[in-house]
Amino acid sequence: MEAQKIIEEKMLGPWNESYQPMADLHITFEHEGGIADYRQELDLDTAVARVEYRVRDVIYTREAFISAVD
């Protein structure tokens, strides 16, 4: 609730009634060993972007909801 209150007080107003991004998030994964079987996909029906890859015997999957710019 506190985050919602801050957004309403600081990021919304009569000139803009939509949510604005607060920041860009950059994540660095320091895997030991090489990356194999790298795959990216975007499902336009569900608006989900997915990245999948393997490091040694572990398969990593990242999914994110993607929204249109407008």
PDB file of N, CA and C in Angstrom:
ATOM      1  N   MET A   1       0.819  -1.199   0.000  1.00  0.00           N
ATOM      2  CA  MET A   1       0.000   0.000   0.000  1.00  0.00           C
ATOM      3  C   MET A   1       0.860   1.259   0.000  1.00  0.00           C
ATOM      4  N   GLU A   2       2.004   1.215   0.675  1.00  0.00           N
ATOM      5  CA  GLU A   2       2.869   2.394   0.712  1.00  0.00           C
ATOM      6  C   GLU A   2       3.380   2.744  -0.683  1.00  0.00           C
ATOM      7  N   ALA A   3       3.782   1.721  -1.451  1.00  0.00           N
ATOM      8  CA  ALA A   3       4.261   1.963  -2.808  1.00  0.00           C
ATOM      9  C   ALA A   3       3.159   2.583  -3.659  1.00  0.00           C
ATOM     10  N   GLN A   4       1.945   2.090  -3.540  1.00  0.00           N
ATOM     11  CA  GLN A   4       0.820   2.642  -4.294  1.00  0.00           C
ATOM     12  C   GLN A   4       0.592   4.102  -3.928  1.00  0.00           C
ATOM     13  N   LYS A   5       0.702   4.426  -2.648  1.00  0.00           N
ATOM     14  CA  LYS A   5       0.509   5.807  -2.196  1.00  0.00           C
ATOM     15  C   LYS A   5       1.574   6.726  -2.787  1.00  0.00           C
ATOM     16  N   ILE A   6       2.824   6.272  -2.787  1.00  0.00           N
ATOM     17  CA  ILE A   6       3.916   7.070  -3.362  1.00  0.00           C
ATOM     18  C   ILE A   6       3.687   7.298  -4.847  1.00  0.00           C
ATOM     19  N   ILE A   7       3.290   6.244  -5.560  1.00  0.00           N
ATOM     20  CA  ILE A   7       3.026   6.381  -6.996  1.00  0.00           C
ATOM     21  C   ILE A   7       1.913   7.393  -7.240  1.00  0.00           C
ATOM     22  N   GLU A   8       0.843   7.297  -6.467  1.00  0.00           N
ATOM     23  CA  GLU A   8      -0.278   8.214  -6.660  1.00  0.00           C
ATOM     24  C   GLU A   8       0.117   9.653  -6.343  1.00  0.00           C
ATOM     25  N   GLU A   9       0.947   9.854  -5.328  1.00  0.00           N
ATOM     26  CA  GLU A   9       1.351  11.199  -4.940  1.00  0.00           C
ATOM     27  C   GLU A   9       2.407  11.797  -5.865  1.00  0.00           C
ATOM     28  N   LYS A  10       3.355  10.975  -6.320  1.00  0.00           N
ATOM     29  CA  LYS A  10       4.517  11.499  -7.045  1.00  0.00           C
ATOM     30  C   LYS A  10       4.500  11.270  -8.550  1.00  0.00           C
ATOM     31  N   MET A  11       3.787  10.250  -9.009  1.00  0.00           N
ATOM     32  CA  MET A  11       3.905   9.874 -10.412  1.00  0.00           C
ATOM     33  C   MET A  11       2.625  10.044 -11.216  1.00  0.00           C
ATOM     34  N   LEU A  12       1.519  10.287 -10.569  1.00  0.00           N
ATOM     35  CA  LEU A  12       0.258  10.485 -11.275  1.00  0.00           C
ATOM     36  C   LEU A  12      -0.221  11.902 -11.054  1.00  0.00           C
ATOM     37  N   GLY A  13      -0.912  12.430 -11.989  1.00  0.00           N
ATOM     38  CA  GLY A  13      -1.441  13.777 -11.833  1.00  0.00           C
ATOM     39  C   GLY A  13      -2.425  14.071 -12.935  1.00  0.00           C
ATOM     40  N   PRO A  14      -2.948  15.280 -12.952  1.00  0.00           N
ATOM     41  CA  PRO A  14      -3.944  15.634 -13.966  1.00  0.00           C
ATOM     42  C   PRO A  14      -3.379  15.573 -15.379  1.00  0.00           C
ATOM     43  N   TRP A  15      -2.079  15.750 -15.537  1.00  0.00           N
ATOM     44  CA  TRP A  15      -1.440  15.720 -16.854  1.00  0.00           C
ATOM     45  C   TRP A  15      -1.112  14.314 -17.309  1.00  0.00           C
ATOM     46  N   ASN A  16      -1.174  13.347 -16.400  1.00  0.00           N
ATOM     47  CA  ASN A  16      -0.781  11.985 -16.760  1.00  0.00           C
ATOM     48  C   ASN A  16      -1.521  11.011 -15.859  1.00  0.00           C
ATOM     49  N   GLU A  17      -2.413  10.275 -16.418  1.00  0.00           N
ATOM     50  CA  GLU A  17      -3.204   9.332 -15.628  1.00  0.00           C
ATOM     51  C   GLU A  17      -2.733   7.889 -15.769  1.00  0.00           C
ATOM     52  N   SER A  18      -1.526   7.675 -16.266  1.00  0.00           N
ATOM     53  CA  SER A  18      -1.025   6.309 -16.410  1.00  0.00           C
ATOM     54  C   SER A  18       0.235   6.126 -15.577  1.00  0.00           C
ATOM     55  N   TYR A  19       0.553   4.887 -15.273  1.00  0.00           N
ATOM     56  CA  TYR A  19       1.765   4.573 -14.526  1.00  0.00           C
ATOM     57  C   TYR A  19       2.990   4.813 -15.398  1.00  0.00           C
ATOM     58  N   GLN A  20       4.022   5.310 -14.808  1.00  0.00           N
ATOM     59  CA  GLN A  20       5.282   5.544 -15.498  1.00  0.00           C
ATOM     60  C   GLN A  20       6.333   4.605 -14.911  1.00  0.00           C
ATOM     61  N   PRO A  21       7.278   4.138 -15.714  1.00  0.00           N
ATOM     62  CA  PRO A  21       8.324   3.281 -15.161  1.00  0.00           C
ATOM     63  C   PRO A  21       9.170   4.048 -14.163  1.00  0.00           C
ATOM     64  N   MET A  22       9.540   3.379 -13.107  1.00  0.00           N
ATOM     65  CA  MET A  22      10.367   4.025 -12.089  1.00  0.00           C
ATOM     66  C   MET A  22      11.848   3.920 -12.417  1.00  0.00           C
ATOM     67  N   ALA A  23      12.240   2.883 -13.182  1.00  0.00           N
ATOM     68  CA  ALA A  23      13.659   2.689 -13.479  1.00  0.00           C
ATOM     69  C   ALA A  23      13.815   1.560 -14.482  1.00  0.00           C
ATOM     70  N   ASP A  24      15.017   1.434 -14.997  1.00  0.00           N
ATOM     71  CA  ASP A  24      15.396   0.272 -15.792  1.00  0.00           C
ATOM     72  C   ASP A  24      16.160  -0.665 -14.863  1.00  0.00           C
ATOM     73  N   LEU A  25      15.882  -1.928 -14.974  1.00  0.00           N
ATOM     74  CA  LEU A  25      16.531  -2.925 -14.133  1.00  0.00           C
ATOM     75  C   LEU A  25      17.478  -3.753 -14.991  1.00  0.00           C
ATOM     76  N   HIS A  26      18.749  -3.751 -14.621  1.00  0.00           N
ATOM     77  CA  HIS A  26      19.756  -4.540 -15.319  1.00  0.00           C
ATOM     78  C   HIS A  26      20.277  -5.584 -14.339  1.00  0.00           C
ATOM     79  N   ILE A  27      20.171  -6.850 -14.714  1.00  0.00           N
ATOM     80  CA  ILE A  27      20.597  -7.944 -13.844  1.00  0.00           C
ATOM     81  C   ILE A  27      21.754  -8.670 -14.520  1.00  0.00           C
ATOM     82  N   THR A  28      22.808  -8.910 -13.768  1.00  0.00           N
ATOM     83  CA  THR A  28      23.960  -9.634 -14.288  1.00  0.00           C
ATOM     84  C   THR A  28      24.045 -10.977 -13.578  1.00  0.00           C
ATOM     85  N   PHE A  29      24.049 -12.047 -14.356  1.00  0.00           N
ATOM     86  CA  PHE A  29      24.194 -13.385 -13.808  1.00  0.00           C
ATOM     87  C   PHE A  29      25.605 -13.858 -14.114  1.00  0.00           C
ATOM     88  N   GLU A  30      26.329 -14.204 -13.093  1.00  0.00           N
ATOM     89  CA  GLU A  30      27.703 -14.650 -13.280  1.00  0.00           C
ATOM     90  C   GLU A  30      27.750 -16.164 -13.127  1.00  0.00           C
ATOM     91  N   HIS A  31      27.398 -16.845 -14.207  1.00  0.00           N
ATOM     92  CA  HIS A  31      27.415 -18.299 -14.214  1.00  0.00           C
ATOM     93  C   HIS A  31      28.838 -18.789 -14.456  1.00  0.00           C
ATOM     94  N   GLU A  32      29.208 -19.845 -13.769  1.00  0.00           N
ATOM     95  CA  GLU A  32      30.483 -20.483 -14.051  1.00  0.00           C
ATOM     96  C   GLU A  32      30.250 -21.524 -15.130  1.00  0.00           C
ATOM     97  N   GLY A  33      30.998 -21.431 -16.194  1.00  0.00           N
ATOM     98  CA  GLY A  33      30.798 -22.335 -17.315  1.00  0.00           C
ATOM     99  C   GLY A  33      30.092 -21.633 -18.446  1.00  0.00           C
ATOM    100  N   GLY A  34      30.112 -22.269 -19.602  1.00  0.00           N
ATOM    101  CA  GLY A  34      29.517 -21.671 -20.787  1.00  0.00           C
ATOM    102  C   GLY A  34      28.008 -21.835 -20.842  1.00  0.00           C
ATOM    103  N   ILE A  35      27.383 -20.951 -21.583  1.00  0.00           N
ATOM    104  CA  ILE A  35      25.938 -20.995 -21.792  1.00  0.00           C
ATOM    105  C   ILE A  35      25.664 -21.767 -23.077  1.00  0.00           C
ATOM    106  N   ALA A  36      24.697 -22.665 -23.040  1.00  0.00           N
ATOM    107  CA  ALA A  36      24.344 -23.476 -24.210  1.00  0.00           C
ATOM    108  C   ALA A  36      22.828 -23.466 -24.380  1.00  0.00           C
ATOM    109  N   ASP A  37      22.386 -23.848 -25.546  1.00  0.00           N
ATOM    110  CA  ASP A  37      20.956 -23.986 -25.860  1.00  0.00           C
ATOM    111  C   ASP A  37      20.172 -22.707 -25.556  1.00  0.00           C
ATOM    112  N   TYR A  38      20.743 -21.565 -25.911  1.00  0.00           N
ATOM    113  CA  TYR A  38      20.097 -20.269 -25.664  1.00  0.00           C
ATOM    114  C   TYR A  38      18.905 -20.099 -26.595  1.00  0.00           C
ATOM    115  N   ARG A  39      17.782 -19.647 -26.037  1.00  0.00           N
ATOM    116  CA  ARG A  39      16.565 -19.476 -26.824  1.00  0.00           C
ATOM    117  C   ARG A  39      15.762 -18.294 -26.295  1.00  0.00           C
ATOM    118  N   GLN A  40      15.253 -17.449 -27.195  1.00  0.00           N
ATOM    119  CA  GLN A  40      14.357 -16.345 -26.843  1.00  0.00           C
ATOM    120  C   GLN A  40      13.052 -16.553 -27.581  1.00  0.00           C
ATOM    121  N   GLU A  41      11.955 -16.151 -26.952  1.00  0.00           N
ATOM    122  CA  GLU A  41      10.673 -16.196 -27.660  1.00  0.00           C
ATOM    123  C   GLU A  41       9.745 -15.127 -27.117  1.00  0.00           C
ATOM    124  N   LEU A  42       8.825 -14.713 -27.952  1.00  0.00           N
ATOM    125  CA  LEU A  42       7.803 -13.736 -27.578  1.00  0.00           C
ATOM    126  C   LEU A  42       6.470 -14.288 -28.028  1.00  0.00           C
ATOM    127  N   ASP A  43       5.564 -14.485 -27.085  1.00  0.00           N
ATOM    128  CA  ASP A  43       4.222 -14.976 -27.390  1.00  0.00           C
ATOM    129  C   ASP A  43       3.294 -13.766 -27.467  1.00  0.00           C
ATOM    130  N   LEU A  44       2.880 -13.406 -28.662  1.00  0.00           N
ATOM    131  CA  LEU A  44       2.038 -12.229 -28.844  1.00  0.00           C
ATOM    132  C   LEU A  44       0.628 -12.422 -28.301  1.00  0.00           C
ATOM    133  N   ASP A  45       0.168 -13.656 -28.205  1.00  0.00           N
ATOM    134  CA  ASP A  45      -1.167 -13.917 -27.665  1.00  0.00           C
ATOM    135  C   ASP A  45      -1.238 -13.697 -26.159  1.00  0.00           C
ATOM    136  N   THR A  46      -0.165 -14.038 -25.455  1.00  0.00           N
ATOM    137  CA  THR A  46      -0.161 -13.899 -23.992  1.00  0.00           C
ATOM    138  C   THR A  46       0.700 -12.739 -23.510  1.00  0.00           C
ATOM    139  N   ALA A  47       1.427 -12.072 -24.421  1.00  0.00           N
ATOM    140  CA  ALA A  47       2.311 -10.950 -24.098  1.00  0.00           C
ATOM    141  C   ALA A  47       3.401 -11.356 -23.104  1.00  0.00           C
ATOM    142  N   VAL A  48       3.955 -12.542 -23.307  1.00  0.00           N
ATOM    143  CA  VAL A  48       5.016 -13.035 -22.436  1.00  0.00           C
ATOM    144  C   VAL A  48       6.287 -13.237 -23.257  1.00  0.00           C
ATOM    145  N   ALA A  49       7.384 -12.640 -22.770  1.00  0.00           N
ATOM    146  CA  ALA A  49       8.698 -12.867 -23.370  1.00  0.00           C
ATOM    147  C   ALA A  49       9.425 -13.878 -22.502  1.00  0.00           C
ATOM    148  N   ARG A  50      10.113 -14.797 -23.145  1.00  0.00           N
ATOM    149  CA  ARG A  50      10.785 -15.871 -22.402  1.00  0.00           C
ATOM    150  C   ARG A  50      12.207 -16.038 -22.929  1.00  0.00           C
ATOM    151  N   VAL A  51      13.144 -16.216 -22.009  1.00  0.00           N
ATOM    152  CA  VAL A  51      14.531 -16.557 -22.336  1.00  0.00           C
ATOM    153  C   VAL A  51      14.845 -17.841 -21.598  1.00  0.00           C
ATOM    154  N   GLU A  52      15.460 -18.763 -22.311  1.00  0.00           N
ATOM    155  CA  GLU A  52      15.825 -20.031 -21.692  1.00  0.00           C
ATOM    156  C   GLU A  52      17.224 -20.415 -22.159  1.00  0.00           C
ATOM    157  N   TYR A  53      18.039 -20.916 -21.233  1.00  0.00           N
ATOM    158  CA  TYR A  53      19.380 -21.365 -21.583  1.00  0.00           C
ATOM    159  C   TYR A  53      19.842 -22.397 -20.557  1.00  0.00           C
ATOM    160  N   ARG A  54      20.920 -23.071 -20.896  1.00  0.00           N
ATOM    161  CA  ARG A  54      21.466 -24.112 -20.022  1.00  0.00           C
ATOM    162  C   ARG A  54      22.897 -23.778 -19.653  1.00  0.00           C
ATOM    163  N   VAL A  55      23.225 -23.960 -18.388  1.00  0.00           N
ATOM    164  CA  VAL A  55      24.601 -23.878 -17.895  1.00  0.00           C
ATOM    165  C   VAL A  55      24.883 -25.190 -17.186  1.00  0.00           C
ATOM    166  N   ARG A  56      25.805 -25.939 -17.734  1.00  0.00           N
ATOM    167  CA  ARG A  56      26.081 -27.304 -17.274  1.00  0.00           C
ATOM    168  C   ARG A  56      24.796 -28.117 -17.352  1.00  0.00           C
ATOM    169  N   ASP A  57      24.309 -28.630 -16.235  1.00  0.00           N
ATOM    170  CA  ASP A  57      23.096 -29.446 -16.234  1.00  0.00           C
ATOM    171  C   ASP A  57      21.859 -28.698 -15.738  1.00  0.00           C
ATOM    172  N   VAL A  58      21.964 -27.378 -15.585  1.00  0.00           N
ATOM    173  CA  VAL A  58      20.852 -26.580 -15.057  1.00  0.00           C
ATOM    174  C   VAL A  58      20.244 -25.747 -16.183  1.00  0.00           C
ATOM    175  N   ILE A  59      18.922 -25.812 -16.315  1.00  0.00           N
ATOM    176  CA  ILE A  59      18.205 -25.014 -17.308  1.00  0.00           C
ATOM    177  C   ILE A  59      17.595 -23.808 -16.599  1.00  0.00           C
ATOM    178  N   TYR A  60      17.911 -22.609 -17.099  1.00  0.00           N
ATOM    179  CA  TYR A  60      17.396 -21.366 -16.533  1.00  0.00           C
ATOM    180  C   TYR A  60      16.318 -20.817 -17.461  1.00  0.00           C
ATOM    181  N   THR A  61      15.214 -20.358 -16.876  1.00  0.00           N
ATOM    182  CA  THR A  61      14.127 -19.769 -17.643  1.00  0.00           C
ATOM    183  C   THR A  61      13.726 -18.458 -16.987  1.00  0.00           C
ATOM    184  N   ARG A  62      13.610 -17.413 -17.801  1.00  0.00           N
ATOM    185  CA  ARG A  62      13.143 -16.113 -17.320  1.00  0.00           C
ATOM    186  C   ARG A  62      11.937 -15.732 -18.160  1.00  0.00           C
ATOM    187  N   GLU A  63      10.871 -15.298 -17.505  1.00  0.00           N
ATOM    188  CA  GLU A  63       9.681 -14.838 -18.209  1.00  0.00           C
ATOM    189  C   GLU A  63       9.320 -13.445 -17.735  1.00  0.00           C
ATOM    190  N   ALA A  64       8.812 -12.642 -18.660  1.00  0.00           N
ATOM    191  CA  ALA A  64       8.407 -11.288 -18.314  1.00  0.00           C
ATOM    192  C   ALA A  64       7.158 -10.925 -19.113  1.00  0.00           C
ATOM    193  N   PHE A  65       6.248 -10.206 -18.491  1.00  0.00           N
ATOM    194  CA  PHE A  65       5.076  -9.685 -19.173  1.00  0.00           C
ATOM    195  C   PHE A  65       5.515  -8.459 -19.972  1.00  0.00           C
ATOM    196  N   ILE A  66       5.127  -8.383 -21.216  1.00  0.00           N
ATOM    197  CA  ILE A  66       5.517  -7.307 -22.092  1.00  0.00           C
ATOM    198  C   ILE A  66       4.276  -6.517 -22.472  1.00  0.00           C
ATOM    199  N   SER A  67       4.329  -5.203 -22.283  1.00  0.00           N
ATOM    200  CA  SER A  67       3.188  -4.376 -22.670  1.00  0.00           C
ATOM    201  C   SER A  67       3.594  -3.438 -23.792  1.00  0.00           C
ATOM    202  N   ALA A  68       2.623  -3.015 -24.543  1.00  0.00           N
ATOM    203  CA  ALA A  68       2.879  -2.097 -25.656  1.00  0.00           C
ATOM    204  C   ALA A  68       3.295  -0.730 -25.137  1.00  0.00           C
ATOM    205  N   VAL A  69       4.069  -0.023 -25.929  1.00  0.00           N
ATOM    206  CA  VAL A  69       4.539   1.303 -25.540  1.00  0.00           C
ATOM    207  C   VAL A  69       3.360   2.250 -25.315  1.00  0.00           C
ATOM    208  N   ASP A  70       2.354   2.164 -26.165  1.00  0.00           N
ATOM    209  CA  ASP A  70       1.210   3.041 -26.043  1.00  0.00           C
ATOM    210  C   ASP A  70       0.216   2.485 -25.056  1.00  0.00           C
TER     211      ASP A  70
END
